[in-house]
Amino acid sequence: MAVERVAQPSYMRLLDPEALGKIHRLELIARGLVEGFFSGRHRSPYKGFSIEFSEHRQYVAGDDIRDLDWRVYAKSDRYYIKQYIEETNLRVVILLDASGSMKYTGEEAARHDGRRLSKFEYGQFLAASLAHLMIHQQDAAGLVTFDTRIRRYIPSRSRVNHLRFLLSELAATQPGNETAVAPIFHDIAERIHRRGLIIVISDLFDNTEEILQALHHFRYRKHEVIVLHVMAEEELTFPFERWSLFRDLEFDERRVQLDPRSVRAAYLEKVGDFIRQIEAGCGQMDIDYVPLSTKRSFDAALGMYLAQRRRRKK
């Protein structure tokens, strides 16, 4: 009997078994209140009758007498109902920057399958791993890819076949045009009506003040936000020594030839200010800001963040 081997779908390359083994020992739990459809592990803004006790309220006609607290009645001779915090599933939307600047591949970038990862490919692996983690823990994951516009918006779902859909979309996406981060965030904030978790994966190359205002829009809509700020090591350290031709990845016609040593100090000062402003703004809004260099493997970076987040929650 002949056994015919079926080729693995190309999008499965985004799921690294070793990486998933590291992060699946961890969970991504919502810190705040979320809204969902199914019973899960996250606190809901709605009062129900589940495991975690919240408070008492006085009995009113029509309440189920099975929910009466008879101990309180014995002490006070009054009827009180036990209220509990309903737990729910988490609805996550992953926003992946697919602009031209994400195409950059540094010489020091981490390798996967023998080749260095661009910032966008690094983001693809982060998004795929997070989507797999969320659906594995029976939460709902959605995806937005964008540059100057929303390229694709896939609402959050928790079915296993939805994960295949997300992975297929991630694998098919290629970075393209210039960046318009802030308008995209405002648009998405208005589209997502149920509070949940927004995960941003981007180099955030746009107007800093406008980005922070857009992130505030998510917080105003009661979403929890995580910012995974992906940059290449060369963008952080500017190690270039020789006269070089620098090309804008979003506008190919923009090229400049210069001695990098002459601009290094000014460049590093601007990059430092940029990162400090983003980090400080996120801190003021209680947003998790996670700086990531593509020099470090995505699974190690993601695993460390999830472990730190879990420790903070305890």
Protein backbone atom coordinates (compact mmCIF):
# COMPACT_ATOMS: atom_id res chain seq x y z
CA MET A 1 0.00 0.00 0.00
CA ALA A 2 1.46 3.32 -1.08
CA VAL A 3 1.23 6.29 1.26
CA GLU A 4 1.01 9.63 -0.46
CA ARG A 5 2.56 12.52 1.41
CA VAL A 6 0.63 15.76 1.44
CA ALA A 7 2.68 18.92 1.22
CA GLN A 8 2.45 21.18 4.24
CA PRO A 9 0.66 24.47 3.52
CA SER A 10 3.18 27.29 3.04
CA TYR A 11 1.62 29.39 5.81
CA MET A 12 2.61 26.74 8.38
CA ARG A 13 6.18 28.03 8.16
CA LEU A 14 5.02 30.84 10.45
CA LEU A 15 4.43 28.38 13.28
CA ASP A 16 7.80 27.36 14.66
CA PRO A 17 7.28 24.25 16.88
CA GLU A 18 10.21 25.16 19.12
CA ALA A 19 8.94 28.71 19.56
CA LEU A 20 5.39 27.54 20.30
CA GLY A 21 6.76 25.10 22.87
CA LYS A 22 8.33 28.02 24.73
CA ILE A 23 5.35 30.37 24.78
CA HIS A 24 2.57 27.81 25.27
CA ARG A 25 3.71 27.27 28.84
CA LEU A 26 2.56 30.84 29.35
CA GLU A 27 -0.81 32.54 29.01
CA LEU A 28 -1.82 35.98 27.84
CA ILE A 29 -4.39 37.14 30.40
CA ALA A 30 -6.28 40.40 30.20
CA ARG A 31 -5.42 42.75 33.06
CA GLY A 32 -8.64 44.74 32.81
CA LEU A 33 -12.27 43.96 32.09
CA VAL A 34 -13.12 42.44 28.72
CA GLU A 35 -16.29 41.64 26.82
CA GLY A 36 -16.77 38.31 25.10
CA PHE A 37 -19.28 35.61 24.32
CA PHE A 38 -17.98 32.48 26.03
CA SER A 39 -17.01 31.46 29.50
CA GLY A 40 -13.26 31.82 29.90
CA ARG A 41 -10.47 33.07 32.17
CA HIS A 42 -10.85 36.85 31.89
CA ARG A 43 -12.95 39.15 34.04
CA SER A 44 -16.05 40.56 32.37
CA PRO A 45 -17.72 43.93 33.07
CA TYR A 46 -21.01 42.07 33.53
CA LYS A 47 -22.18 40.54 36.80
CA GLY A 48 -23.05 36.86 36.57
CA PHE A 49 -22.94 33.75 38.72
CA SER A 50 -19.56 32.16 38.19
CA ILE A 51 -16.57 31.32 40.35
CA GLU A 52 -15.13 34.62 41.61
CA PHE A 53 -17.22 36.31 44.35
CA SER A 54 -17.75 40.05 43.91
CA GLU A 55 -20.31 41.49 46.35
CA HIS A 56 -23.78 41.16 47.90
CA ARG A 57 -26.94 43.00 46.95
CA GLN A 58 -30.33 43.00 48.59
CA TYR A 59 -32.89 40.47 47.38
CA VAL A 60 -35.69 41.78 45.15
CA ALA A 61 -38.79 39.97 43.93
CA GLY A 62 -37.99 37.72 40.99
CA ASP A 63 -34.44 36.81 42.07
CA ASP A 64 -33.60 33.10 42.16
CA ILE A 65 -33.75 32.03 45.81
CA ARG A 66 -30.96 29.54 45.11
CA ASP A 67 -28.59 32.52 45.02
CA LEU A 68 -29.51 33.71 48.51
CA ASP A 69 -26.69 33.85 51.03
CA TRP A 70 -28.17 32.00 53.98
CA ARG A 71 -25.22 32.76 56.23
CA VAL A 72 -25.85 36.48 55.87
CA TYR A 73 -29.56 35.86 56.52
CA ALA A 74 -28.75 33.97 59.72
CA LYS A 75 -26.72 36.92 61.00
CA SER A 76 -28.87 39.83 59.81
CA ASP A 77 -32.33 38.32 59.26
CA ARG A 78 -32.26 39.93 55.80
CA TYR A 79 -32.13 38.39 52.35
CA TYR A 80 -29.06 39.10 50.21
CA ILE A 81 -28.02 37.74 46.81
CA LYS A 82 -24.44 36.70 46.07
CA GLN A 83 -23.02 38.42 43.01
CA TYR A 84 -20.00 37.11 41.13
CA ILE A 85 -17.72 38.40 38.44
CA GLU A 86 -18.55 36.64 35.20
CA GLU A 87 -15.53 35.37 33.36
CA THR A 88 -15.34 35.55 29.63
CA ASN A 89 -13.10 34.88 26.66
CA LEU A 90 -10.67 37.52 25.47
CA ARG A 91 -11.08 39.15 22.08
CA VAL A 92 -7.69 40.13 20.65
CA VAL A 93 -6.99 42.16 17.52
CA ILE A 94 -3.40 42.09 16.22
CA LEU A 95 -2.37 45.15 14.19
CA LEU A 96 0.59 44.34 11.92
CA ASP A 97 2.40 47.18 10.15
CA ALA A 98 2.95 46.23 6.50
CA SER A 99 4.50 49.51 5.38
CA GLY A 100 7.68 49.80 3.33
CA SER A 101 9.94 50.58 6.29
CA MET A 102 9.18 47.14 7.72
CA LYS A 103 11.07 45.57 4.78
CA TYR A 104 14.42 46.46 6.32
CA THR A 105 16.66 43.49 7.11
CA GLY A 106 19.67 44.25 9.25
CA GLU A 107 22.96 42.43 9.09
CA GLU A 108 22.56 41.53 12.76
CA ALA A 109 18.98 40.27 12.44
CA ALA A 110 18.03 36.92 13.95
CA ARG A 111 17.90 34.04 11.50
CA HIS A 112 15.14 31.58 10.78
CA ASP A 113 15.61 28.64 8.44
CA GLY A 114 19.07 29.95 7.67
CA ARG A 115 18.20 33.49 6.62
CA ARG A 116 17.94 36.81 8.39
CA LEU A 117 14.47 38.15 9.19
CA SER A 118 13.28 41.56 8.06
CA LYS A 119 11.28 43.62 10.54
CA PHE A 120 8.10 42.58 8.74
CA GLU A 121 8.97 38.88 8.82
CA TYR A 122 9.80 39.24 12.51
CA GLY A 123 6.36 40.80 12.95
CA GLN A 124 4.73 37.97 10.99
CA PHE A 125 6.20 35.39 13.37
CA LEU A 126 5.12 37.42 16.39
CA ALA A 127 1.58 37.77 15.03
CA ALA A 128 1.33 34.07 14.11
CA SER A 129 2.62 32.93 17.50
CA LEU A 130 0.25 35.22 19.38
CA ALA A 131 -2.75 34.19 17.27
CA HIS A 132 -1.91 30.53 17.87
CA LEU A 133 -1.53 31.16 21.61
CA MET A 134 -4.86 33.00 21.87
CA ILE A 135 -6.88 30.41 19.98
CA HIS A 136 -5.07 27.59 21.80
CA GLN A 137 -6.31 29.07 25.11
CA GLN A 138 -9.83 29.32 23.61
CA ASP A 139 -9.77 33.06 23.14
CA ALA A 140 -10.62 34.94 19.94
CA ALA A 141 -7.98 36.43 17.63
CA GLY A 142 -8.34 38.89 14.77
CA LEU A 143 -5.91 40.59 12.41
CA VAL A 144 -5.41 43.96 10.76
CA THR A 145 -2.63 44.54 8.21
CA PHE A 146 -2.00 48.11 7.14
CA ASP A 147 0.27 50.67 5.52
CA THR A 148 -1.37 53.94 4.39
CA ARG A 149 -4.70 52.11 4.52
CA ILE A 150 -6.16 49.00 6.05
CA ARG A 151 -5.02 46.21 3.77
CA ARG A 152 -7.04 43.52 5.52
CA TYR A 153 -9.34 43.47 8.54
CA ILE A 154 -10.27 40.03 9.89
CA PRO A 155 -12.58 40.14 12.94
CA SER A 156 -11.76 38.06 16.00
CA ARG A 157 -12.85 34.43 16.08
CA SER A 158 -11.84 31.50 18.29
CA ARG A 159 -12.30 28.49 15.99
CA VAL A 160 -9.29 26.41 14.99
CA ASN A 161 -10.03 26.83 11.26
CA HIS A 162 -9.96 30.60 11.85
CA LEU A 163 -6.30 30.26 12.85
CA ARG A 164 -5.54 28.73 9.45
CA PHE A 165 -7.29 31.69 7.84
CA LEU A 166 -5.19 34.17 9.85
CA LEU A 167 -1.95 32.34 9.06
CA SER A 168 -2.78 32.20 5.37
CA GLU A 169 -3.44 35.94 5.33
CA LEU A 170 -0.21 36.67 7.20
CA ALA A 171 1.82 34.55 4.79
CA ALA A 172 0.26 36.23 1.75
CA THR A 173 0.91 39.78 2.98
CA GLN A 174 3.92 41.69 1.68
CA PRO A 175 5.13 45.07 2.98
CA GLY A 176 4.45 47.86 0.54
CA ASN A 177 3.66 51.57 0.81
CA GLU A 178 4.55 54.41 3.13
CA THR A 179 3.27 54.61 6.71
CA ALA A 180 0.07 56.13 8.08
CA VAL A 181 -0.09 54.67 11.56
CA ALA A 182 -2.26 57.15 13.46
CA PRO A 183 -5.24 57.33 11.04
CA ILE A 184 -5.37 53.53 10.89
CA PHE A 185 -5.49 53.26 14.69
CA HIS A 186 -8.31 55.81 14.90
CA ASP A 187 -10.25 53.89 12.25
CA ILE A 188 -9.81 50.55 14.02
CA ALA A 189 -10.74 52.05 17.40
CA GLU A 190 -14.09 53.09 15.95
CA ARG A 191 -14.71 49.68 14.36
CA ILE A 192 -14.14 47.52 17.45
CA HIS A 193 -17.10 47.92 19.76
CA ARG A 194 -16.45 45.24 22.37
CA ARG A 195 -13.64 46.02 24.74
CA GLY A 196 -10.70 43.64 24.50
CA LEU A 197 -6.97 43.59 23.81
CA ILE A 198 -5.21 45.42 20.99
CA ILE A 199 -1.69 44.25 20.10
CA VAL A 200 0.31 46.62 17.88
CA ILE A 201 3.32 45.25 15.96
CA SER A 202 5.10 48.11 14.21
CA ASP A 203 8.26 50.19 13.97
CA LEU A 204 5.97 53.21 14.61
CA PHE A 205 7.71 55.36 12.00
CA ASP A 206 5.22 58.20 11.94
CA ASN A 207 4.45 61.39 13.85
CA THR A 208 5.01 60.50 17.50
CA GLU A 209 2.39 62.84 18.95
CA GLU A 210 -0.26 61.60 16.52
CA ILE A 211 0.57 57.96 17.31
CA LEU A 212 0.14 58.58 21.03
CA GLN A 213 -3.19 60.34 20.43
CA ALA A 214 -4.34 57.35 18.38
CA LEU A 215 -3.26 54.90 21.10
CA HIS A 216 -5.22 57.00 23.57
CA HIS A 217 -8.28 56.44 21.37
CA PHE A 218 -8.00 52.71 22.09
CA ARG A 219 -7.74 53.39 25.82
CA TYR A 220 -10.70 55.78 25.65
CA ARG A 221 -12.70 52.91 24.13
CA LYS A 222 -11.69 50.80 27.17
CA HIS A 223 -9.33 48.47 25.31
CA GLU A 224 -6.16 47.13 26.85
CA VAL A 225 -3.17 47.80 24.58
CA ILE A 226 0.22 46.15 24.07
CA VAL A 227 2.76 47.85 21.78
CA LEU A 228 5.45 45.57 20.35
CA HIS A 229 7.90 48.13 18.97
CA VAL A 230 10.01 46.30 16.37
CA MET A 231 13.26 47.86 15.18
CA ALA A 232 16.41 46.52 13.58
CA GLU A 233 19.58 46.63 15.66
CA GLU A 234 21.22 48.93 13.07
CA GLU A 235 18.36 51.41 13.47
CA LEU A 236 19.07 51.48 17.19
CA THR A 237 22.87 51.69 17.08
CA PHE A 238 23.71 53.11 13.60
CA PRO A 239 27.02 51.20 13.36
CA PHE A 240 27.86 52.20 9.78
CA GLU A 241 31.38 53.46 9.14
CA ARG A 242 31.91 53.97 5.40
CA TRP A 243 30.40 56.40 2.93
CA SER A 244 27.15 54.74 1.92
CA LEU A 245 24.04 55.25 -0.16
CA PHE A 246 20.98 55.29 2.10
CA ARG A 247 17.64 54.54 0.46
CA ASP A 248 14.14 55.24 1.79
CA LEU A 249 12.24 51.94 1.74
CA GLU A 250 8.91 53.76 1.41
CA PHE A 251 10.02 56.20 -1.30
CA ASP A 252 12.58 54.52 -3.54
CA GLU A 253 13.50 57.79 -5.24
CA ARG A 254 14.68 59.24 -1.91
CA ARG A 255 18.36 58.42 -1.70
CA VAL A 256 21.24 60.18 -0.05
CA GLN A 257 24.95 59.44 -0.02
CA LEU A 258 26.81 60.48 3.10
CA ASP A 259 29.46 59.68 5.67
CA PRO A 260 27.49 58.01 8.49
CA ARG A 261 30.08 59.03 11.07
CA SER A 262 29.19 62.67 10.51
CA VAL A 263 25.51 62.17 11.42
CA ARG A 264 25.72 59.35 13.97
CA ALA A 265 25.46 61.50 17.10
CA ALA A 266 22.49 63.51 15.77
CA TYR A 267 20.79 60.36 14.52
CA LEU A 268 21.15 58.49 17.81
CA GLU A 269 19.86 61.50 19.73
CA LYS A 270 16.74 61.65 17.55
CA VAL A 271 16.12 57.89 17.82
CA GLY A 272 16.59 58.04 21.58
CA ASP A 273 14.11 60.92 21.88
CA PHE A 274 11.63 59.07 19.65
CA ILE A 275 11.76 55.90 21.78
CA ARG A 276 11.60 57.80 25.07
CA GLN A 277 8.53 59.75 23.93
CA ILE A 278 6.71 56.59 22.84
CA GLU A 279 7.64 54.73 26.02
CA ALA A 280 6.68 57.64 28.29
CA GLY A 281 3.37 58.18 26.50
CA CYS A 282 2.51 54.50 26.75
CA GLY A 283 3.39 54.51 30.43
CA GLN A 284 1.06 57.43 31.10
CA MET A 285 -1.80 55.52 29.44
CA ASP A 286 -1.03 52.22 31.21
CA ILE A 287 -0.10 50.61 27.89
CA ASP A 288 2.47 47.81 27.84
CA TYR A 289 5.40 49.09 25.77
CA VAL A 290 7.74 46.31 24.62
CA PRO A 291 10.86 47.38 22.67
CA LEU A 292 12.09 44.60 20.39
CA SER A 293 15.27 44.38 18.35
CA THR A 294 15.27 41.94 15.46
CA LYS A 295 18.73 40.92 16.66
CA ARG A 296 17.07 38.78 19.31
CA SER A 297 14.99 35.74 18.35
CA PHE A 298 11.29 36.52 18.35
CA ASP A 299 10.37 33.54 20.53
CA ALA A 300 12.87 34.45 23.26
CA ALA A 301 11.68 38.08 23.26
CA LEU A 302 8.00 37.13 23.29
CA GLY A 303 8.49 34.46 25.93
CA MET A 304 10.29 36.89 28.25
CA TYR A 305 7.54 39.48 27.88
CA LEU A 306 4.75 36.96 28.60
CA ALA A 307 6.61 35.65 31.65
CA GLN A 308 7.12 39.18 32.99
CA ARG A 309 3.47 40.03 32.37
CA ARG A 310 2.31 36.92 34.23
CA ARG A 311 4.52 37.77 37.21
CA ARG A 312 3.08 41.31 37.32
CA LYS A 313 -0.44 39.91 37.39
CA LYS A 314 0.18 37.68 40.42
